[in-house]
Amino acid sequence: MSLSLDDVKRIARLSRIAVTDDELAATQTQLNRIFGLIEEMRAVDTTGIEPMSHAQDVVLRLRDDAATAPNRREAFQAVAPAVEDGLYLVPKVIE
């Protein structure tokens, strides 16, 4: 896939990037190189290869899923202006 100068102008306009006429040719070359690299990667046969979540074999250390902060719900609701059935009541804004 090769981009024309009109394609580069359109992409720049859609992405709200100011590209001068002097920069158009360089930008076109860079984008075409990127698309060329993508074409090369798509040509590689990857059948039978399991997808990876990371390029290296990284294992995260896991910790127990335990609450560490104290439950202060009652203290917060005690100072709230209006509470009903454990829920904060707020005034209606939109009718």
PDB file of N, CA and C in Angstrom:
ATOM      1  N   MET A   1       0.853  -1.179   0.000  1.00  0.00           N
ATOM      2  CA  MET A   1       0.000   0.000   0.000  1.00  0.00           C
ATOM      3  C   MET A   1       0.893   1.234   0.000  1.00  0.00           C
ATOM      4  N   SER A   2       0.625   2.116  -0.911  1.00  0.00           N
ATOM      5  CA  SER A   2       1.416   3.336  -1.013  1.00  0.00           C
ATOM      6  C   SER A   2       0.483   4.535  -0.943  1.00  0.00           C
ATOM      7  N   LEU A   3       0.841   5.497  -0.128  1.00  0.00           N
ATOM      8  CA  LEU A   3       0.021   6.696   0.044  1.00  0.00           C
ATOM      9  C   LEU A   3       0.449   7.781  -0.930  1.00  0.00           C
ATOM     10  N   SER A   4      -0.528   8.493  -1.459  1.00  0.00           N
ATOM     11  CA  SER A   4      -0.229   9.646  -2.303  1.00  0.00           C
ATOM     12  C   SER A   4      -0.128  10.894  -1.425  1.00  0.00           C
ATOM     13  N   LEU A   5       0.302  11.988  -2.024  1.00  0.00           N
ATOM     14  CA  LEU A   5       0.383  13.245  -1.267  1.00  0.00           C
ATOM     15  C   LEU A   5      -0.999  13.702  -0.811  1.00  0.00           C
ATOM     16  N   ASP A   6      -2.023  13.437  -1.644  1.00  0.00           N
ATOM     17  CA  ASP A   6      -3.388  13.793  -1.243  1.00  0.00           C
ATOM     18  C   ASP A   6      -3.828  12.984  -0.032  1.00  0.00           C
ATOM     19  N   ASP A   7      -3.428  11.706   0.020  1.00  0.00           N
ATOM     20  CA  ASP A   7      -3.751  10.872   1.183  1.00  0.00           C
ATOM     21  C   ASP A   7      -3.095  11.430   2.443  1.00  0.00           C
ATOM     22  N   VAL A   8      -1.851  11.845   2.323  1.00  0.00           N
ATOM     23  CA  VAL A   8      -1.129  12.388   3.473  1.00  0.00           C
ATOM     24  C   VAL A   8      -1.780  13.684   3.936  1.00  0.00           C
ATOM     25  N   LYS A   9      -2.183  14.523   2.999  1.00  0.00           N
ATOM     26  CA  LYS A   9      -2.871  15.776   3.358  1.00  0.00           C
ATOM     27  C   LYS A   9      -4.178  15.472   4.098  1.00  0.00           C
ATOM     28  N   ARG A  10      -4.917  14.488   3.591  1.00  0.00           N
ATOM     29  CA  ARG A  10      -6.192  14.133   4.211  1.00  0.00           C
ATOM     30  C   ARG A  10      -5.979  13.564   5.608  1.00  0.00           C
ATOM     31  N   ILE A  11      -5.003  12.700   5.765  1.00  0.00           N
ATOM     32  CA  ILE A  11      -4.704  12.134   7.088  1.00  0.00           C
ATOM     33  C   ILE A  11      -4.303  13.240   8.054  1.00  0.00           C
ATOM     34  N   ALA A  12      -3.476  14.165   7.595  1.00  0.00           N
ATOM     35  CA  ALA A  12      -3.038  15.278   8.444  1.00  0.00           C
ATOM     36  C   ALA A  12      -4.235  16.143   8.850  1.00  0.00           C
ATOM     37  N   ARG A  13      -5.130  16.385   7.906  1.00  0.00           N
ATOM     38  CA  ARG A  13      -6.312  17.209   8.218  1.00  0.00           C
ATOM     39  C   ARG A  13      -7.224  16.491   9.211  1.00  0.00           C
ATOM     40  N   LEU A  14      -7.448  15.195   8.999  1.00  0.00           N
ATOM     41  CA  LEU A  14      -8.320  14.436   9.898  1.00  0.00           C
ATOM     42  C   LEU A  14      -7.746  14.317  11.302  1.00  0.00           C
ATOM     43  N   SER A  15      -6.420  14.244  11.396  1.00  0.00           N
ATOM     44  CA  SER A  15      -5.785  14.112  12.710  1.00  0.00           C
ATOM     45  C   SER A  15      -5.428  15.466  13.312  1.00  0.00           C
ATOM     46  N   ARG A  16      -5.800  16.529  12.618  1.00  0.00           N
ATOM     47  CA  ARG A  16      -5.560  17.897  13.102  1.00  0.00           C
ATOM     48  C   ARG A  16      -4.069  18.170  13.340  1.00  0.00           C
ATOM     49  N   ILE A  17      -3.238  17.684  12.403  1.00  0.00           N
ATOM     50  CA  ILE A  17      -1.794  17.910  12.475  1.00  0.00           C
ATOM     51  C   ILE A  17      -1.421  18.874  11.358  1.00  0.00           C
ATOM     52  N   ALA A  18      -0.750  19.942  11.722  1.00  0.00           N
ATOM     53  CA  ALA A  18      -0.325  20.919  10.727  1.00  0.00           C
ATOM     54  C   ALA A  18       0.921  20.395  10.008  1.00  0.00           C
ATOM     55  N   VAL A  19       0.772  20.126   8.721  1.00  0.00           N
ATOM     56  CA  VAL A  19       1.889  19.646   7.909  1.00  0.00           C
ATOM     57  C   VAL A  19       2.058  20.625   6.758  1.00  0.00           C
ATOM     58  N   THR A  20       3.217  21.226   6.679  1.00  0.00           N
ATOM     59  CA  THR A  20       3.482  22.177   5.604  1.00  0.00           C
ATOM     60  C   THR A  20       3.758  21.414   4.312  1.00  0.00           C
ATOM     61  N   ASP A  21       3.734  22.146   3.199  1.00  0.00           N
ATOM     62  CA  ASP A  21       4.013  21.519   1.906  1.00  0.00           C
ATOM     63  C   ASP A  21       5.423  20.951   1.854  1.00  0.00           C
ATOM     64  N   ASP A  22       6.352  21.585   2.573  1.00  0.00           N
ATOM     65  CA  ASP A  22       7.729  21.076   2.604  1.00  0.00           C
ATOM     66  C   ASP A  22       7.823  19.748   3.353  1.00  0.00           C
ATOM     67  N   GLU A  23       6.963  19.552   4.334  1.00  0.00           N
ATOM     68  CA  GLU A  23       6.997  18.333   5.153  1.00  0.00           C
ATOM     69  C   GLU A  23       6.205  17.184   4.539  1.00  0.00           C
ATOM     70  N   LEU A  24       5.378  17.475   3.543  1.00  0.00           N
ATOM     71  CA  LEU A  24       4.513  16.442   2.977  1.00  0.00           C
ATOM     72  C   LEU A  24       5.293  15.265   2.403  1.00  0.00           C
ATOM     73  N   ALA A  25       6.327  15.540   1.635  1.00  0.00           N
ATOM     74  CA  ALA A  25       7.082  14.459   1.002  1.00  0.00           C
ATOM     75  C   ALA A  25       7.777  13.596   2.044  1.00  0.00           C
ATOM     76  N   ALA A  26       8.363  14.224   3.059  1.00  0.00           N
ATOM     77  CA  ALA A  26       9.034  13.456   4.110  1.00  0.00           C
ATOM     78  C   ALA A  26       8.029  12.621   4.894  1.00  0.00           C
ATOM     79  N   THR A  27       6.873  13.202   5.182  1.00  0.00           N
ATOM     80  CA  THR A  27       5.831  12.476   5.903  1.00  0.00           C
ATOM     81  C   THR A  27       5.314  11.309   5.066  1.00  0.00           C
ATOM     82  N   GLN A  28       5.150  11.542   3.776  1.00  0.00           N
ATOM     83  CA  GLN A  28       4.713  10.470   2.874  1.00  0.00           C
ATOM     84  C   GLN A  28       5.712   9.323   2.879  1.00  0.00           C
ATOM     85  N   THR A  29       6.990   9.631   2.823  1.00  0.00           N
ATOM     86  CA  THR A  29       8.031   8.601   2.842  1.00  0.00           C
ATOM     87  C   THR A  29       7.989   7.816   4.146  1.00  0.00           C
ATOM     88  N   GLN A  30       7.872   8.510   5.264  1.00  0.00           N
ATOM     89  CA  GLN A  30       7.839   7.838   6.566  1.00  0.00           C
ATOM     90  C   GLN A  30       6.623   6.935   6.688  1.00  0.00           C
ATOM     91  N   LEU A  31       5.459   7.421   6.279  1.00  0.00           N
ATOM     92  CA  LEU A  31       4.245   6.615   6.365  1.00  0.00           C
ATOM     93  C   LEU A  31       4.328   5.400   5.447  1.00  0.00           C
ATOM     94  N   ASN A  32       4.863   5.578   4.242  1.00  0.00           N
ATOM     95  CA  ASN A  32       5.001   4.447   3.325  1.00  0.00           C
ATOM     96  C   ASN A  32       5.979   3.413   3.867  1.00  0.00           C
ATOM     97  N   ARG A  33       7.022   3.840   4.571  1.00  0.00           N
ATOM     98  CA  ARG A  33       7.944   2.890   5.200  1.00  0.00           C
ATOM     99  C   ARG A  33       7.231   2.101   6.302  1.00  0.00           C
ATOM    100  N   ILE A  34       6.412   2.789   7.081  1.00  0.00           N
ATOM    101  CA  ILE A  34       5.664   2.110   8.141  1.00  0.00           C
ATOM    102  C   ILE A  34       4.730   1.069   7.532  1.00  0.00           C
ATOM    103  N   PHE A  35       4.005   1.454   6.474  1.00  0.00           N
ATOM    104  CA  PHE A  35       3.107   0.500   5.825  1.00  0.00           C
ATOM    105  C   PHE A  35       3.884  -0.645   5.183  1.00  0.00           C
ATOM    106  N   GLY A  36       5.069  -0.372   4.683  1.00  0.00           N
ATOM    107  CA  GLY A  36       5.911  -1.437   4.132  1.00  0.00           C
ATOM    108  C   GLY A  36       6.309  -2.438   5.206  1.00  0.00           C
ATOM    109  N   LEU A  37       6.659  -1.939   6.384  1.00  0.00           N
ATOM    110  CA  LEU A  37       7.011  -2.816   7.495  1.00  0.00           C
ATOM    111  C   LEU A  37       5.813  -3.663   7.920  1.00  0.00           C
ATOM    112  N   ILE A  38       4.649  -3.051   7.937  1.00  0.00           N
ATOM    113  CA  ILE A  38       3.427  -3.793   8.279  1.00  0.00           C
ATOM    114  C   ILE A  38       3.178  -4.903   7.255  1.00  0.00           C
ATOM    115  N   GLU A  39       3.369  -4.608   5.978  1.00  0.00           N
ATOM    116  CA  GLU A  39       3.189  -5.619   4.923  1.00  0.00           C
ATOM    117  C   GLU A  39       4.166  -6.771   5.124  1.00  0.00           C
ATOM    118  N   GLU A  40       5.417  -6.470   5.485  1.00  0.00           N
ATOM    119  CA  GLU A  40       6.407  -7.519   5.729  1.00  0.00           C
ATOM    120  C   GLU A  40       5.990  -8.401   6.903  1.00  0.00           C
ATOM    121  N   MET A  41       5.495  -7.782   7.970  1.00  0.00           N
ATOM    122  CA  MET A  41       5.074  -8.554   9.139  1.00  0.00           C
ATOM    123  C   MET A  41       3.857  -9.411   8.828  1.00  0.00           C
ATOM    124  N   ARG A  42       2.959  -8.925   7.992  1.00  0.00           N
ATOM    125  CA  ARG A  42       1.778  -9.696   7.628  1.00  0.00           C
ATOM    126  C   ARG A  42       2.143 -10.892   6.753  1.00  0.00           C
ATOM    127  N   ALA A  43       3.264 -10.814   6.049  1.00  0.00           N
ATOM    128  CA  ALA A  43       3.681 -11.893   5.157  1.00  0.00           C
ATOM    129  C   ALA A  43       4.267 -13.080   5.921  1.00  0.00           C
ATOM    130  N   VAL A  44       4.618 -12.899   7.171  1.00  0.00           N
ATOM    131  CA  VAL A  44       5.212 -13.969   7.971  1.00  0.00           C
ATOM    132  C   VAL A  44       4.137 -14.989   8.332  1.00  0.00           C
ATOM    133  N   ASP A  45       4.452 -16.269   8.144  1.00  0.00           N
ATOM    134  CA  ASP A  45       3.520 -17.340   8.469  1.00  0.00           C
ATOM    135  C   ASP A  45       3.542 -17.580   9.978  1.00  0.00           C
ATOM    136  N   THR A  46       2.430 -17.312  10.636  1.00  0.00           N
ATOM    137  CA  THR A  46       2.349 -17.466  12.094  1.00  0.00           C
ATOM    138  C   THR A  46       1.398 -18.581  12.501  1.00  0.00           C
ATOM    139  N   THR A  47       1.089 -19.482  11.586  1.00  0.00           N
ATOM    140  CA  THR A  47       0.203 -20.581  11.952  1.00  0.00           C
ATOM    141  C   THR A  47       0.898 -21.483  12.965  1.00  0.00           C
ATOM    142  N   GLY A  48       0.161 -21.863  13.969  1.00  0.00           N
ATOM    143  CA  GLY A  48       0.698 -22.736  15.001  1.00  0.00           C
ATOM    144  C   GLY A  48       1.480 -22.028  16.086  1.00  0.00           C
ATOM    145  N   ILE A  49       1.562 -20.716  16.023  1.00  0.00           N
ATOM    146  CA  ILE A  49       2.275 -19.954  17.051  1.00  0.00           C
ATOM    147  C   ILE A  49       1.249 -19.368  18.004  1.00  0.00           C
ATOM    148  N   GLU A  50       1.433 -19.647  19.282  1.00  0.00           N
ATOM    149  CA  GLU A  50       0.494 -19.165  20.293  1.00  0.00           C
ATOM    150  C   GLU A  50       0.707 -17.675  20.558  1.00  0.00           C
ATOM    151  N   PRO A  51      -0.370 -16.874  20.598  1.00  0.00           N
ATOM    152  CA  PRO A  51      -0.218 -15.443  20.886  1.00  0.00           C
ATOM    153  C   PRO A  51       0.381 -15.221  22.273  1.00  0.00           C
ATOM    154  N   MET A  52       1.163 -14.149  22.386  1.00  0.00           N
ATOM    155  CA  MET A  52       1.813 -13.824  23.657  1.00  0.00           C
ATOM    156  C   MET A  52       1.257 -12.509  24.171  1.00  0.00           C
ATOM    157  N   SER A  53       1.233 -12.362  25.483  1.00  0.00           N
ATOM    158  CA  SER A  53       0.789 -11.096  26.063  1.00  0.00           C
ATOM    159  C   SER A  53       1.957 -10.145  26.228  1.00  0.00           C
ATOM    160  N   HIS A  54       3.172 -10.657  26.153  1.00  0.00           N
ATOM    161  CA  HIS A  54       4.366  -9.836  26.317  1.00  0.00           C
ATOM    162  C   HIS A  54       5.494 -10.471  25.516  1.00  0.00           C
ATOM    163  N   ALA A  55       6.418  -9.663  25.041  1.00  0.00           N
ATOM    164  CA  ALA A  55       7.520 -10.175  24.233  1.00  0.00           C
ATOM    165  C   ALA A  55       8.468 -11.062  25.037  1.00  0.00           C
ATOM    166  N   GLN A  56       8.548 -10.843  26.322  1.00  0.00           N
ATOM    167  CA  GLN A  56       9.388 -11.666  27.191  1.00  0.00           C
ATOM    168  C   GLN A  56       8.483 -12.509  28.086  1.00  0.00           C
ATOM    169  N   ASP A  57       9.039 -13.577  28.629  1.00  0.00           N
ATOM    170  CA  ASP A  57       8.265 -14.432  29.519  1.00  0.00           C
ATOM    171  C   ASP A  57       8.226 -13.789  30.905  1.00  0.00           C
ATOM    172  N   VAL A  58       7.260 -12.897  31.084  1.00  0.00           N
ATOM    173  CA  VAL A  58       7.150 -12.128  32.321  1.00  0.00           C
ATOM    174  C   VAL A  58       6.057 -12.734  33.194  1.00  0.00           C
ATOM    175  N   VAL A  59       6.365 -12.937  34.449  1.00  0.00           N
ATOM    176  CA  VAL A  59       5.382 -13.445  35.404  1.00  0.00           C
ATOM    177  C   VAL A  59       5.220 -12.393  36.496  1.00  0.00           C
ATOM    178  N   LEU A  60       3.980 -12.001  36.719  1.00  0.00           N
ATOM    179  CA  LEU A  60       3.715 -11.001  37.749  1.00  0.00           C
ATOM    180  C   LEU A  60       3.589 -11.668  39.114  1.00  0.00           C
ATOM    181  N   ARG A  61       4.119 -10.990  40.101  1.00  0.00           N
ATOM    182  CA  ARG A  61       3.934 -11.481  41.464  1.00  0.00           C
ATOM    183  C   ARG A  61       2.515 -11.179  41.890  1.00  0.00           C
ATOM    184  N   LEU A  62       1.842 -12.179  42.414  1.00  0.00           N
ATOM    185  CA  LEU A  62       0.462 -11.994  42.834  1.00  0.00           C
ATOM    186  C   LEU A  62       0.395 -11.863  44.345  1.00  0.00           C
ATOM    187  N   ARG A  63      -0.568 -11.101  44.813  1.00  0.00           N
ATOM    188  CA  ARG A  63      -0.791 -10.955  46.247  1.00  0.00           C
ATOM    189  C   ARG A  63      -2.225 -11.352  46.540  1.00  0.00           C
ATOM    190  N   ASP A  64      -2.496 -11.623  47.787  1.00  0.00           N
ATOM    191  CA  ASP A  64      -3.857 -11.962  48.187  1.00  0.00           C
ATOM    192  C   ASP A  64      -4.773 -10.766  47.969  1.00  0.00           C
ATOM    193  N   ASP A  65      -5.975 -11.035  47.500  1.00  0.00           N
ATOM    194  CA  ASP A  65      -6.960  -9.985  47.293  1.00  0.00           C
ATOM    195  C   ASP A  65      -7.682  -9.745  48.614  1.00  0.00           C
ATOM    196  N   ALA A  66      -7.095  -8.898  49.430  1.00  0.00           N
ATOM    197  CA  ALA A  66      -7.644  -8.626  50.752  1.00  0.00           C
ATOM    198  C   ALA A  66      -7.797  -7.128  50.948  1.00  0.00           C
ATOM    199  N   ALA A  67      -8.868  -6.728  51.612  1.00  0.00           N
ATOM    200  CA  ALA A  67      -9.098  -5.316  51.905  1.00  0.00           C
ATOM    201  C   ALA A  67      -8.098  -4.860  52.957  1.00  0.00           C
ATOM    202  N   THR A  68      -7.429  -3.748  52.689  1.00  0.00           N
ATOM    203  CA  THR A  68      -6.445  -3.228  53.637  1.00  0.00           C
ATOM    204  C   THR A  68      -6.908  -1.948  54.309  1.00  0.00           C
ATOM    205  N   ALA A  69      -7.893  -1.268  53.719  1.00  0.00           N
ATOM    206  CA  ALA A  69      -8.407  -0.036  54.312  1.00  0.00           C
ATOM    207  C   ALA A  69      -9.591  -0.369  55.210  1.00  0.00           C
ATOM    208  N   PRO A  70      -9.729   0.332  56.324  1.00  0.00           N
ATOM    209  CA  PRO A  70     -10.865   0.040  57.217  1.00  0.00           C
ATOM    210  C   PRO A  70     -12.181   0.497  56.589  1.00  0.00           C
ATOM    211  N   ASN A  71     -13.256  -0.157  56.956  1.00  0.00           N
ATOM    212  CA  ASN A  71     -14.583   0.198  56.474  1.00  0.00           C
ATOM    213  C   ASN A  71     -15.103   1.371  57.304  1.00  0.00           C
ATOM    214  N   ARG A  72     -15.178   2.552  56.688  1.00  0.00           N
ATOM    215  CA  ARG A  72     -15.619   3.746  57.412  1.00  0.00           C
ATOM    216  C   ARG A  72     -16.947   4.258  56.866  1.00  0.00           C
ATOM    217  N   ARG A  73     -17.731   3.348  56.314  1.00  0.00           N
ATOM    218  CA  ARG A  73     -18.993   3.722  55.700  1.00  0.00           C
ATOM    219  C   ARG A  73     -19.920   4.424  56.680  1.00  0.00           C
ATOM    220  N   GLU A  74     -20.092   3.875  57.872  1.00  0.00           N
ATOM    221  CA  GLU A  74     -21.002   4.476  58.856  1.00  0.00           C
ATOM    222  C   GLU A  74     -20.536   5.870  59.263  1.00  0.00           C
ATOM    223  N   ALA A  75     -19.230   6.052  59.394  1.00  0.00           N
ATOM    224  CA  ALA A  75     -18.701   7.373  59.779  1.00  0.00           C
ATOM    225  C   ALA A  75     -18.971   8.398  58.684  1.00  0.00           C
ATOM    226  N   PHE A  76     -18.819   8.002  57.435  1.00  0.00           N
ATOM    227  CA  PHE A  76     -19.073   8.931  56.331  1.00  0.00           C
ATOM    228  C   PHE A  76     -20.561   9.236  56.193  1.00  0.00           C
ATOM    229  N   GLN A  77     -21.391   8.217  56.366  1.00  0.00           N
ATOM    230  CA  GLN A  77     -22.822   8.462  56.230  1.00  0.00           C
ATOM    231  C   GLN A  77     -23.387   9.227  57.427  1.00  0.00           C
ATOM    232  N   ALA A  78     -22.718   9.171  58.565  1.00  0.00           N
ATOM    233  CA  ALA A  78     -23.193   9.917  59.737  1.00  0.00           C
ATOM    234  C   ALA A  78     -23.105  11.420  59.509  1.00  0.00           C
ATOM    235  N   VAL A  79     -22.158  11.875  58.707  1.00  0.00           N
ATOM    236  CA  VAL A  79     -22.004  13.311  58.463  1.00  0.00           C
ATOM    237  C   VAL A  79     -22.658  13.745  57.147  1.00  0.00           C
ATOM    238  N   ALA A  80     -23.260  12.817  56.412  1.00  0.00           N
ATOM    239  CA  ALA A  80     -23.916  13.151  55.145  1.00  0.00           C
ATOM    240  C   ALA A  80     -25.239  13.867  55.428  1.00  0.00           C
ATOM    241  N   PRO A  81     -25.632  14.802  54.560  1.00  0.00           N
ATOM    242  CA  PRO A  81     -26.882  15.527  54.772  1.00  0.00           C
ATOM    243  C   PRO A  81     -28.117  14.634  54.718  1.00  0.00           C
ATOM    244  N   ALA A  82     -28.135  13.647  53.793  1.00  0.00           N
ATOM    245  CA  ALA A  82     -29.311  12.776  53.686  1.00  0.00           C
ATOM    246  C   ALA A  82     -28.877  11.385  53.258  1.00  0.00           C
ATOM    247  N   VAL A  83     -29.335  10.387  54.019  1.00  0.00           N
ATOM    248  CA  VAL A  83     -29.005   8.987  53.736  1.00  0.00           C
ATOM    249  C   VAL A  83     -30.268   8.168  53.908  1.00  0.00           C
ATOM    250  N   GLU A  84     -30.475   7.207  53.010  1.00  0.00           N
ATOM    251  CA  GLU A  84     -31.630   6.319  53.140  1.00  0.00           C
ATOM    252  C   GLU A  84     -31.224   4.920  52.697  1.00  0.00           C
ATOM    253  N   ASP A  85     -31.405   3.938  53.549  1.00  0.00           N
ATOM    254  CA  ASP A  85     -31.060   2.541  53.278  1.00  0.00           C
ATOM    255  C   ASP A  85     -29.599   2.392  52.845  1.00  0.00           C
ATOM    256  N   GLY A  86     -28.717   3.155  53.455  1.00  0.00           N
ATOM    257  CA  GLY A  86     -27.296   3.058  53.150  1.00  0.00           C
ATOM    258  C   GLY A  86     -26.870   3.782  51.894  1.00  0.00           C
ATOM    259  N   LEU A  87     -27.766   4.526  51.264  1.00  0.00           N
ATOM    260  CA  LEU A  87     -27.451   5.263  50.033  1.00  0.00           C
ATOM    261  C   LEU A  87     -27.491   6.760  50.314  1.00  0.00           C
ATOM    262  N   TYR A  88     -26.618   7.501  49.657  1.00  0.00           N
ATOM    263  CA  TYR A  88     -26.600   8.955  49.775  1.00  0.00           C
ATOM    264  C   TYR A  88     -27.722   9.532  48.916  1.00  0.00           C
ATOM    265  N   LEU A  89     -28.495  10.429  49.474  1.00  0.00           N
ATOM    266  CA  LEU A  89     -29.553  11.101  48.723  1.00  0.00           C
ATOM    267  C   LEU A  89     -29.053  12.467  48.277  1.00  0.00           C
ATOM    268  N   VAL A  90     -29.280  12.773  47.018  1.00  0.00           N
ATOM    269  CA  VAL A  90     -28.865  14.051  46.465  1.00  0.00           C
ATOM    270  C   VAL A  90     -30.074  14.752  45.873  1.00  0.00           C
ATOM    271  N   PRO A  91     -30.075  16.080  45.838  1.00  0.00           N
ATOM    272  CA  PRO A  91     -31.226  16.777  45.282  1.00  0.00           C
ATOM    273  C   PRO A  91     -31.349  16.545  43.773  1.00  0.00           C
ATOM    274  N   LYS A  92     -32.570  16.522  43.297  1.00  0.00           N
ATOM    275  CA  LYS A  92     -32.824  16.336  41.878  1.00  0.00           C
ATOM    276  C   LYS A  92     -32.403  17.593  41.128  1.00  0.00           C
ATOM    277  N   VAL A  93     -31.606  17.401  40.081  1.00  0.00           N
ATOM    278  CA  VAL A  93     -31.082  18.543  39.340  1.00  0.00           C
ATOM    279  C   VAL A  93     -31.806  18.707  38.010  1.00  0.00           C
ATOM    280  N   ILE A  94     -32.091  17.602  37.349  1.00  0.00           N
ATOM    281  CA  ILE A  94     -32.753  17.626  36.033  1.00  0.00           C
ATOM    282  C   ILE A  94     -34.191  17.173  36.218  1.00  0.00           C
ATOM    283  N   GLU A  95     -35.089  17.911  35.595  1.00  0.00           N
ATOM    284  CA  GLU A  95     -36.514  17.551  35.713  1.00  0.00           C
ATOM    285  C   GLU A  95     -36.983  16.856  34.480  1.00  0.00           C
TER     286      GLU A  95
END
